[in-house]
Protein backbone atom coordinates (compact mmCIF):
# COMPACT_ATOMS: atom_id res chain seq x y z
CA MET A 1 -184.54 159.60 -69.08
CA LYS A 2 -181.43 159.01 -66.99
CA LEU A 3 -179.28 162.03 -66.10
CA ASN A 4 -175.73 161.71 -67.43
CA LEU A 5 -173.68 163.20 -64.56
CA PRO A 6 -170.31 163.26 -66.39
CA LEU A 7 -171.93 165.10 -69.29
CA LEU A 8 -173.55 167.51 -66.85
CA ALA A 9 -170.11 168.15 -65.27
CA LEU A 10 -168.63 168.88 -68.72
CA SER A 11 -171.52 171.25 -69.44
CA LEU A 12 -170.92 173.01 -66.12
CA GLY A 13 -167.27 173.47 -67.09
CA ALA A 14 -168.31 174.90 -70.46
CA PHE A 15 -170.68 177.26 -68.63
CA GLY A 16 -167.91 178.48 -66.31
CA ILE A 17 -165.47 179.00 -69.16
CA GLY A 18 -168.07 180.94 -71.14
CA VAL A 19 -168.84 183.20 -68.20
CA THR A 20 -165.15 183.79 -67.54
CA GLU A 21 -164.39 184.54 -71.16
CA PHE A 22 -167.16 187.03 -71.84
CA SER A 23 -168.22 188.68 -68.56
CA PRO A 24 -165.23 191.06 -68.27
CA MET A 25 -166.56 192.85 -71.37
CA GLY A 26 -169.48 194.08 -69.30
CA MET A 27 -167.25 195.06 -66.39
CA LEU A 28 -164.57 197.03 -68.28
CA SER A 29 -165.60 200.43 -66.96
CA VAL A 30 -165.76 199.16 -63.36
CA ILE A 31 -162.38 197.42 -63.65
CA ALA A 32 -160.81 200.42 -65.37
CA GLY A 33 -162.07 202.81 -62.69
CA ASP A 34 -160.98 200.59 -59.82
CA LEU A 35 -157.49 199.87 -61.20
CA ASP A 36 -157.02 203.41 -62.51
CA VAL A 37 -156.46 202.45 -66.15
CA SER A 38 -158.24 203.55 -69.31
CA ILE A 39 -161.10 201.50 -70.72
CA PRO A 40 -159.01 200.60 -73.82
CA THR A 41 -156.25 199.38 -71.49
CA ALA A 42 -158.78 197.36 -69.51
CA GLY A 43 -159.96 195.98 -72.85
CA MET A 44 -156.56 194.32 -73.22
CA LEU A 45 -157.82 191.85 -70.60
CA ILE A 46 -160.06 190.47 -73.35
CA SER A 47 -157.16 190.30 -75.83
CA ALA A 48 -154.92 188.66 -73.22
CA TYR A 49 -157.52 185.95 -72.72
CA ALA A 50 -157.68 185.35 -76.48
CA PHE A 51 -153.88 185.19 -76.64
CA GLY A 52 -153.85 182.63 -73.83
CA VAL A 53 -156.39 180.49 -75.67
CA VAL A 54 -154.21 180.48 -78.79
CA VAL A 55 -151.08 179.58 -76.83
CA GLY A 56 -152.64 177.29 -74.23
CA ALA A 57 -154.66 175.03 -76.53
CA PRO A 58 -151.73 173.45 -78.39
CA ILE A 59 -149.52 173.36 -75.30
CA LEU A 60 -152.07 171.52 -73.16
CA THR A 61 -153.60 169.38 -75.89
CA LEU A 62 -150.35 168.25 -77.50
CA GLY A 63 -147.97 168.63 -74.57
CA PHE A 64 -150.15 166.41 -72.40
CA ALA A 65 -151.46 164.16 -75.19
CA LYS A 66 -150.45 160.98 -73.38
CA MET A 67 -152.18 162.03 -70.16
CA PRO A 68 -155.49 160.27 -69.46
CA ARG A 69 -158.41 162.41 -70.65
CA ARG A 70 -159.92 162.73 -67.20
CA SER A 71 -156.62 163.97 -65.77
CA LEU A 72 -156.21 166.47 -68.61
CA LEU A 73 -159.71 167.84 -68.01
CA LEU A 74 -158.94 168.14 -64.30
CA LEU A 75 -155.69 169.96 -65.11
CA ALA A 76 -157.52 172.35 -67.44
CA MET A 77 -160.19 173.08 -64.84
CA SER A 78 -157.49 173.57 -62.19
CA LEU A 79 -155.90 176.25 -64.38
CA PHE A 80 -159.32 177.82 -64.78
CA THR A 81 -159.85 177.90 -61.02
CA ILE A 82 -156.37 179.17 -60.16
CA GLY A 83 -156.52 181.87 -62.83
CA ASN A 84 -159.89 183.10 -61.57
CA LEU A 85 -158.59 183.12 -58.00
CA ILE A 86 -155.61 185.23 -59.10
CA SER A 87 -158.05 187.56 -60.87
CA ALA A 88 -160.34 187.78 -57.82
CA MET A 89 -157.45 188.62 -55.51
CA SER A 90 -155.60 190.96 -57.85
CA ASP A 91 -154.77 194.41 -56.61
CA SER A 92 -153.20 195.66 -59.84
CA TYR A 93 -153.88 195.62 -63.54
CA THR A 94 -150.79 193.47 -64.17
CA THR A 95 -151.89 190.81 -61.69
CA LEU A 96 -155.37 190.75 -63.22
CA LEU A 97 -153.80 190.41 -66.68
CA VAL A 98 -151.74 187.44 -65.47
CA GLY A 99 -154.85 185.88 -63.92
CA ARG A 100 -156.74 186.22 -67.20
CA ILE A 101 -153.92 184.57 -69.15
CA VAL A 102 -153.62 181.68 -66.67
CA THR A 103 -157.39 181.20 -66.81
CA SER A 104 -157.43 181.14 -70.61
CA PHE A 105 -154.87 178.34 -70.96
CA ASN A 106 -157.61 175.82 -70.16
CA HIS A 107 -160.04 176.96 -72.83
CA GLY A 108 -159.02 175.12 -76.00
CA ALA A 109 -157.96 171.93 -74.25
CA PHE A 110 -161.15 171.74 -72.19
CA PHE A 111 -163.44 172.16 -75.17
CA GLY A 112 -161.37 169.92 -77.47
CA VAL A 113 -160.80 167.09 -75.03
CA GLY A 114 -164.22 167.58 -73.44
CA ALA A 115 -165.96 167.08 -76.79
CA VAL A 116 -164.04 163.84 -77.35
CA VAL A 117 -164.84 162.65 -73.84
CA ALA A 118 -168.52 163.55 -74.28
CA THR A 119 -168.72 161.17 -77.25
CA GLN A 120 -167.28 158.38 -75.09
CA LEU A 121 -169.95 158.79 -72.43
CA VAL A 122 -172.88 157.80 -74.63
CA PRO A 123 -173.81 155.14 -77.20
CA PRO A 124 -172.57 155.84 -80.76
CA GLU A 125 -175.97 157.03 -82.00
CA LYS A 126 -176.06 159.77 -79.32
CA ARG A 127 -172.56 161.22 -79.81
CA ALA A 128 -173.67 164.39 -81.60
CA SER A 129 -176.27 165.02 -78.89
CA ALA A 130 -173.61 164.55 -76.20
CA VAL A 131 -171.32 167.17 -77.76
CA ALA A 132 -174.30 169.51 -78.13
CA ALA A 133 -175.22 168.93 -74.48
CA MET A 134 -171.70 169.79 -73.37
CA PHE A 135 -171.65 172.98 -75.46
CA SER A 136 -175.09 173.95 -74.14
CA GLY A 137 -173.18 175.14 -71.08
CA LEU A 138 -171.50 177.77 -73.26
CA THR A 139 -174.86 178.87 -74.65
CA LEU A 140 -176.36 179.13 -71.17
CA ALA A 141 -173.32 181.15 -70.07
CA ASN A 142 -174.06 183.76 -72.71
CA ILE A 143 -177.78 183.84 -71.96
CA GLY A 144 -177.67 183.96 -68.16
CA GLY A 145 -174.20 183.60 -66.68
CA VAL A 146 -172.53 186.58 -68.34
CA PRO A 147 -175.35 189.03 -67.51
CA LEU A 148 -175.40 187.74 -63.92
CA ALA A 149 -171.61 188.10 -63.56
CA THR A 150 -171.79 191.59 -65.07
CA TYR A 151 -174.55 192.52 -62.62
CA ILE A 152 -172.50 191.19 -59.70
CA GLY A 153 -169.45 193.06 -60.98
CA GLU A 154 -171.41 196.31 -61.22
CA THR A 155 -173.22 196.02 -57.86
CA ILE A 156 -170.92 194.08 -55.52
CA GLY A 157 -167.61 194.45 -57.32
CA TRP A 158 -165.70 192.79 -60.14
CA ARG A 159 -163.56 190.80 -57.69
CA SER A 160 -166.73 189.18 -56.35
CA ALA A 161 -167.67 188.15 -59.88
CA PHE A 162 -164.26 186.50 -60.34
CA MET A 163 -164.57 184.84 -56.93
CA GLY A 164 -167.91 183.42 -58.04
CA MET A 165 -166.17 182.00 -61.10
CA THR A 166 -163.51 180.51 -58.81
CA VAL A 167 -166.21 178.76 -56.76
CA LEU A 168 -167.81 177.53 -59.98
CA GLY A 169 -164.41 176.14 -60.99
CA LEU A 170 -164.09 174.28 -57.68
CA ILE A 171 -167.57 172.81 -58.04
CA THR A 172 -166.75 171.72 -61.60
CA LEU A 173 -163.47 170.17 -60.48
CA ILE A 174 -165.27 168.12 -57.85
CA ALA A 175 -168.03 167.14 -60.29
CA LEU A 176 -165.52 166.03 -62.93
CA ARG A 177 -163.40 164.14 -60.40
CA VAL A 178 -166.38 162.30 -58.95
CA SER A 179 -168.38 161.59 -62.12
CA LEU A 180 -165.92 161.05 -64.98
CA PRO A 181 -164.71 157.51 -65.53
CA LYS A 182 -161.03 156.89 -66.12
CA LEU A 183 -160.56 157.36 -69.86
CA GLU A 184 -157.29 156.25 -71.36
CA VAL A 185 -155.69 157.82 -74.40
CA ASP A 186 -156.60 155.94 -77.55
CA GLY A 187 -154.04 156.66 -80.20
CA GLN A 188 -150.99 158.74 -80.89
CA THR A 189 -151.18 162.54 -80.98
CA SER A 190 -148.48 164.69 -82.46
CA ILE A 191 -148.10 168.13 -83.95
CA VAL A 192 -146.86 166.79 -87.30
């Protein structure tokens, strides 16, 4: 069986997004203590991410609908990486909140466009398997990535966990850039 490197890169991106989305839940007490906010206030970091997903998905997917799919995936993963870097370097709750929102803007577009791209990387009879393979990264994030990030956050520090996610974003960016073929937009996309 031949390894599909573009599909592996998409799965790696899904893994990183999953870790970034869910790992702060396990680090709320550490973040709250470090930034001198209450745990419910720190919990707003989760809500801010969800808000960013809701806002970012239509903006990126529809606003950049004419952009080649590869470029849109690279843009989404760039937002992911920049947002995690902001989070890793934040020295205040507000900066961390901004980092979480920036990070979340990629979420909907990456999964939506990534699923479409995954189907274009394989023969028609393997399209469902390709989408499943991409989303396996999200499953693996919940099984291993989130607990690992939480452990790092608790033992080394939450900023280190976000820096690890930043590095994962850079690796994914390189993998997508190197492995994905140029995929042109096929059709018209509009909000109406």
